[in-house]
Amino acid sequence: MYSSVHLALPRPEKLQRDLSVGTAWLVVLATIAGAAEPIHGYEIARRLADEAPAGLSFKQGTLYPMLRALEADGLVRSTLVPSCEGPARKCFTLTADGHRVLDAWTATWRSTRTWIDRVLGGIDAR
């Protein structure tokens, strides 16, 4: 029997938000790993905001709790670095465990992306 109940379809904005949340840990670790020297939270947020595709955003309010959690998990290490612009800044580097986790998450992301691209490629013929 067919039900007349309509399922609410997710809007593109919801999909973008969900993707952003799901990939935030990966991109934060990758940004820290890609920095030539220890990097502070504001710079991480700026780089991510500058590089985000249209519709995806990275909010600073989620970054600092994430950095604390990453540090508590032993994936990043923080140091206070003097600043000529004011008080010392807390800057972050990846630990050896952080590099291992980043490598594993990157491999998972790439295999997932390949699988999704393959599935989506099947609808191009329509």
Protein backbone atom coordinates (compact mmCIF):
# COMPACT_ATOMS: atom_id res chain seq x y z
CA MET A 1 0.00 0.00 0.00
CA TYR A 2 1.33 3.40 -0.97
CA SER A 3 1.54 6.00 1.77
CA SER A 4 0.90 9.63 0.99
CA VAL A 5 3.43 10.68 3.62
CA HIS A 6 6.18 12.68 1.95
CA LEU A 7 9.66 12.24 3.24
CA ALA A 8 11.52 15.49 3.73
CA LEU A 9 14.42 15.47 1.32
CA PRO A 10 17.65 16.96 2.62
CA ARG A 11 18.47 20.30 1.10
CA PRO A 12 21.92 20.89 -0.41
CA GLU A 13 22.78 23.13 2.56
CA LYS A 14 22.19 20.23 4.97
CA LEU A 15 24.36 17.92 2.89
CA GLN A 16 27.10 20.54 2.81
CA ARG A 17 26.88 21.02 6.59
CA ASP A 18 26.96 17.26 7.19
CA LEU A 19 29.98 16.87 4.91
CA SER A 20 31.71 19.74 6.67
CA VAL A 21 31.16 18.20 10.10
CA GLY A 22 32.24 14.77 8.91
CA THR A 23 35.49 15.99 7.39
CA ALA A 24 36.44 18.67 9.92
CA TRP A 25 38.81 16.46 11.93
CA LEU A 26 40.59 15.33 8.78
CA VAL A 27 41.10 18.82 7.38
CA VAL A 28 42.28 20.21 10.73
CA LEU A 29 44.90 17.47 11.07
CA ALA A 30 45.95 17.97 7.44
CA THR A 31 46.25 21.74 7.90
CA ILE A 32 48.45 21.30 10.97
CA ALA A 33 50.56 18.69 9.17
CA GLY A 34 50.98 20.98 6.15
CA ALA A 35 52.23 23.94 8.17
CA ALA A 36 55.96 24.60 7.93
CA GLU A 37 56.07 25.53 11.63
CA PRO A 38 53.74 25.27 14.63
CA ILE A 39 50.43 26.88 13.69
CA HIS A 40 47.94 28.71 15.90
CA GLY A 41 44.19 28.21 15.88
CA TYR A 42 43.31 31.48 14.14
CA GLU A 43 45.66 30.63 11.26
CA ILE A 44 44.18 27.12 10.96
CA ALA A 45 40.68 28.62 10.77
CA ARG A 46 41.79 31.25 8.24
CA ARG A 47 43.41 28.68 5.95
CA LEU A 48 40.39 26.42 6.08
CA ALA A 49 37.99 29.30 5.42
CA ASP A 50 40.11 30.51 2.49
CA GLU A 51 40.24 27.05 0.90
CA ALA A 52 36.67 25.90 1.53
CA PRO A 53 34.54 25.42 -1.59
CA ALA A 54 31.42 27.53 -1.99
CA GLY A 55 28.76 26.47 0.47
CA LEU A 56 31.13 24.83 2.94
CA SER A 57 32.34 26.77 5.91
CA PHE A 58 34.55 26.19 8.86
CA LYS A 59 33.52 27.88 12.07
CA GLN A 60 36.15 28.96 14.60
CA GLY A 61 33.75 28.10 17.41
CA THR A 62 34.11 24.41 16.59
CA LEU A 63 37.88 24.56 16.06
CA TYR A 64 39.09 25.24 19.59
CA PRO A 65 37.13 22.41 21.27
CA MET A 66 38.36 20.15 18.47
CA LEU A 67 41.99 21.19 19.07
CA ARG A 68 41.58 20.48 22.80
CA ALA A 69 40.16 17.04 22.01
CA LEU A 70 42.95 16.29 19.52
CA GLU A 71 45.50 17.27 22.15
CA ALA A 72 43.78 15.17 24.83
CA ASP A 73 43.88 12.21 22.42
CA GLY A 74 47.61 12.73 21.88
CA LEU A 75 47.27 13.59 18.19
CA VAL A 76 48.54 17.18 18.46
CA ARG A 77 50.94 18.93 20.80
CA SER A 78 50.67 22.57 21.74
CA THR A 79 53.37 25.04 22.67
CA LEU A 80 53.19 28.70 23.62
CA VAL A 81 54.94 30.80 21.00
CA PRO A 82 55.77 34.46 21.70
CA SER A 83 54.00 36.97 19.50
CA CYS A 84 55.05 40.53 18.67
CA GLU A 85 51.33 41.33 18.26
CA GLY A 86 50.29 40.55 21.84
CA PRO A 87 50.30 37.63 24.23
CA ALA A 88 51.94 34.32 23.38
CA ARG A 89 49.90 32.11 21.08
CA LYS A 90 49.12 28.45 21.55
CA CYS A 91 50.48 26.76 18.44
CA PHE A 92 49.99 23.17 17.33
CA THR A 93 52.03 20.43 15.68
CA LEU A 94 51.13 16.82 14.94
CA THR A 95 52.54 14.07 17.13
CA ALA A 96 53.71 10.75 15.71
CA ASP A 97 50.28 9.32 16.58
CA GLY A 98 48.69 12.30 14.83
CA HIS A 99 50.62 11.52 11.66
CA ARG A 100 49.55 7.86 11.82
CA VAL A 101 45.90 8.81 12.32
CA LEU A 102 46.08 11.37 9.51
CA ASP A 103 47.55 8.75 7.17
CA ALA A 104 44.80 6.26 8.06
CA TRP A 105 42.00 8.82 7.72
CA THR A 106 43.45 10.05 4.42
CA ALA A 107 43.48 6.51 3.03
CA THR A 108 39.89 6.03 4.19
CA TRP A 109 38.83 9.35 2.64
CA ARG A 110 40.47 8.50 -0.69
CA SER A 111 38.92 5.05 -0.92
CA THR A 112 35.52 6.45 0.05
CA ARG A 113 35.84 9.26 -2.50
CA THR A 114 36.81 6.78 -5.21
CA TRP A 115 33.81 4.58 -4.38
CA ILE A 116 31.39 7.55 -4.35
CA ASP A 117 32.80 8.88 -7.64
CA ARG A 118 32.32 5.44 -9.19
CA VAL A 119 28.72 5.23 -7.97
CA LEU A 120 27.93 8.78 -9.08
CA GLY A 121 29.53 8.08 -12.42
CA GLY A 122 26.78 5.54 -13.03
CA ILE A 123 24.13 8.27 -13.01
CA ASP A 124 25.93 10.40 -15.61
CA ALA A 125 24.41 8.27 -18.38
CA ARG A 126 20.88 9.45 -17.56
